[in-house]
């Protein structure tokens, strides 16, 4: 009897714990506090630079080091032509569309209202 014949072989299917919609909602909910903090620091005229861990390999010694680097954060809000702030919610590179009307942004009066929205 060969080794392969001694194993029990089956047709396996991996079960997802989260549906794709739930996974997208979870990812969006993790980015919202980051945007709120980004906006608050923008209002108070401070810099915002969250850190993330990155593994860097040294080509000479082939040793890997973990380094904290600044994370790039794109702001989701901007000043519109009517001098009001617009907020568009992003998932990756795409902007989310709300409702059947195809609206993609929320309009607020000024910077402090961005955090409230």
Protein backbone atom coordinates (compact mmCIF):
# COMPACT_ATOMS: atom_id res chain seq x y z
CA UNK A 1 0.00 0.00 0.00
CA UNK A 2 1.42 3.35 -1.00
CA UNK A 3 1.36 6.43 1.21
CA UNK A 4 -1.24 8.20 -0.97
CA UNK A 5 -3.61 5.22 -0.76
CA UNK A 6 -3.40 5.28 3.03
CA UNK A 7 -4.82 8.81 3.14
CA UNK A 8 -8.53 9.59 3.07
CA UNK A 9 -9.10 11.89 0.07
CA UNK A 10 -12.23 14.07 -0.16
CA UNK A 11 -13.57 16.98 -2.20
CA UNK A 12 -13.22 19.79 0.31
CA UNK A 13 -14.85 23.19 0.15
CA UNK A 14 -13.73 26.08 2.35
CA UNK A 15 -16.59 27.81 4.12
CA UNK A 16 -16.30 31.59 4.39
CA UNK A 17 -16.95 33.03 7.78
CA UNK A 18 -18.01 36.42 6.40
CA UNK A 19 -19.99 37.07 3.26
CA UNK A 20 -18.31 39.43 0.78
CA UNK A 21 -20.73 42.21 1.75
CA UNK A 22 -19.97 41.77 5.46
CA UNK A 23 -16.22 41.78 4.73
CA UNK A 24 -16.55 45.08 2.82
CA UNK A 25 -18.60 46.62 5.64
CA UNK A 26 -16.00 45.56 8.18
CA UNK A 27 -13.17 47.02 6.10
CA UNK A 28 -15.07 50.31 5.68
CA UNK A 29 -15.85 50.52 9.40
CA UNK A 30 -12.11 50.20 10.15
CA UNK A 31 -11.29 53.14 7.86
CA UNK A 32 -13.93 55.55 9.20
CA UNK A 33 -12.18 56.31 12.54
CA UNK A 34 -8.95 56.89 10.61
CA UNK A 35 -10.68 59.48 8.42
CA UNK A 36 -12.25 61.15 11.46
CA UNK A 37 -8.87 61.50 13.13
CA UNK A 38 -7.34 62.73 9.85
CA UNK A 39 -10.02 65.44 9.62
CA UNK A 40 -9.66 66.45 13.29
CA UNK A 41 -5.91 66.90 12.92
CA UNK A 42 -6.49 68.87 9.70
CA UNK A 43 -8.86 71.22 11.56
CA UNK A 44 -6.37 71.74 14.40
CA UNK A 45 -3.56 72.29 11.86
CA UNK A 46 -1.50 69.33 13.06
CA UNK A 47 0.10 66.62 10.99
CA UNK A 48 -1.38 63.14 10.87
CA UNK A 49 0.91 60.24 10.02
CA UNK A 50 -0.27 56.82 11.19
CA UNK A 51 2.35 54.08 11.16
CA UNK A 52 2.27 50.59 9.71
CA UNK A 53 4.78 47.77 10.00
CA UNK A 54 6.77 46.80 6.93
CA UNK A 55 9.27 43.98 6.49
CA UNK A 56 12.46 45.06 4.74
CA UNK A 57 15.14 42.62 3.60
CA UNK A 58 18.79 43.57 3.66
CA UNK A 59 20.28 42.42 0.32
CA UNK A 60 23.79 42.07 1.72
CA UNK A 61 23.05 40.00 4.84
CA UNK A 62 19.67 38.54 3.71
CA UNK A 63 18.28 39.49 7.11
CA UNK A 64 14.72 40.76 7.42
CA UNK A 65 13.89 43.70 9.65
CA UNK A 66 10.47 45.02 10.66
CA UNK A 67 10.30 48.80 10.38
CA UNK A 68 7.49 51.25 11.20
CA UNK A 69 6.79 53.44 8.17
CA UNK A 70 4.28 56.23 7.61
CA UNK A 71 1.02 55.04 6.12
CA UNK A 72 -0.40 57.00 3.20
CA UNK A 73 -3.95 58.17 3.92
CA UNK A 74 -6.09 59.75 1.23
CA UNK A 75 -8.62 62.24 2.50
CA UNK A 76 -12.23 61.50 1.64
CA UNK A 77 -13.44 65.12 1.85
CA UNK A 78 -12.93 68.22 -0.30
CA UNK A 79 -14.24 71.75 -0.80
CA UNK A 80 -16.94 71.96 -3.47
CA UNK A 81 -17.62 74.80 -5.89
CA UNK A 82 -20.42 76.04 -3.60
CA UNK A 83 -17.86 76.51 -0.76
CA UNK A 84 -19.23 73.56 1.18
CA UNK A 85 -17.46 70.35 2.17
CA UNK A 86 -18.23 67.11 0.39
CA UNK A 87 -17.46 63.69 1.86
CA UNK A 88 -17.21 60.64 -0.38
CA UNK A 89 -16.76 57.22 1.18
CA UNK A 90 -14.15 55.04 -0.48
CA UNK A 91 -13.69 51.31 -0.68
CA UNK A 92 -10.22 50.79 -2.06
CA UNK A 93 -9.86 53.00 -5.13
CA UNK A 94 -13.57 53.32 -5.85
CA UNK A 95 -16.09 55.76 -4.38
CA UNK A 96 -19.27 54.21 -2.97
CA UNK A 97 -22.61 55.10 -4.56
CA UNK A 98 -25.61 55.70 -2.26
CA UNK A 99 -29.18 54.79 -3.10
CA UNK A 100 -30.92 54.47 -6.42
CA UNK A 101 -30.30 58.12 -7.29
CA UNK A 102 -26.58 57.45 -7.78
CA UNK A 103 -25.34 60.05 -5.29
CA UNK A 104 -21.72 59.62 -4.25
CA UNK A 105 -21.09 62.31 -1.60
CA UNK A 106 -22.50 63.91 1.53
CA UNK A 107 -22.51 67.72 1.68
CA UNK A 108 -21.84 69.55 4.96
CA UNK A 109 -21.30 73.21 5.83
CA UNK A 110 -17.63 73.24 6.93
CA UNK A 111 -14.74 71.23 8.40
CA UNK A 112 -16.13 70.65 11.92
CA UNK A 113 -19.30 69.17 10.41
CA UNK A 114 -17.25 66.62 8.44
CA UNK A 115 -16.41 64.73 11.63
CA UNK A 116 -20.06 64.82 12.75
CA UNK A 117 -21.26 63.42 9.42
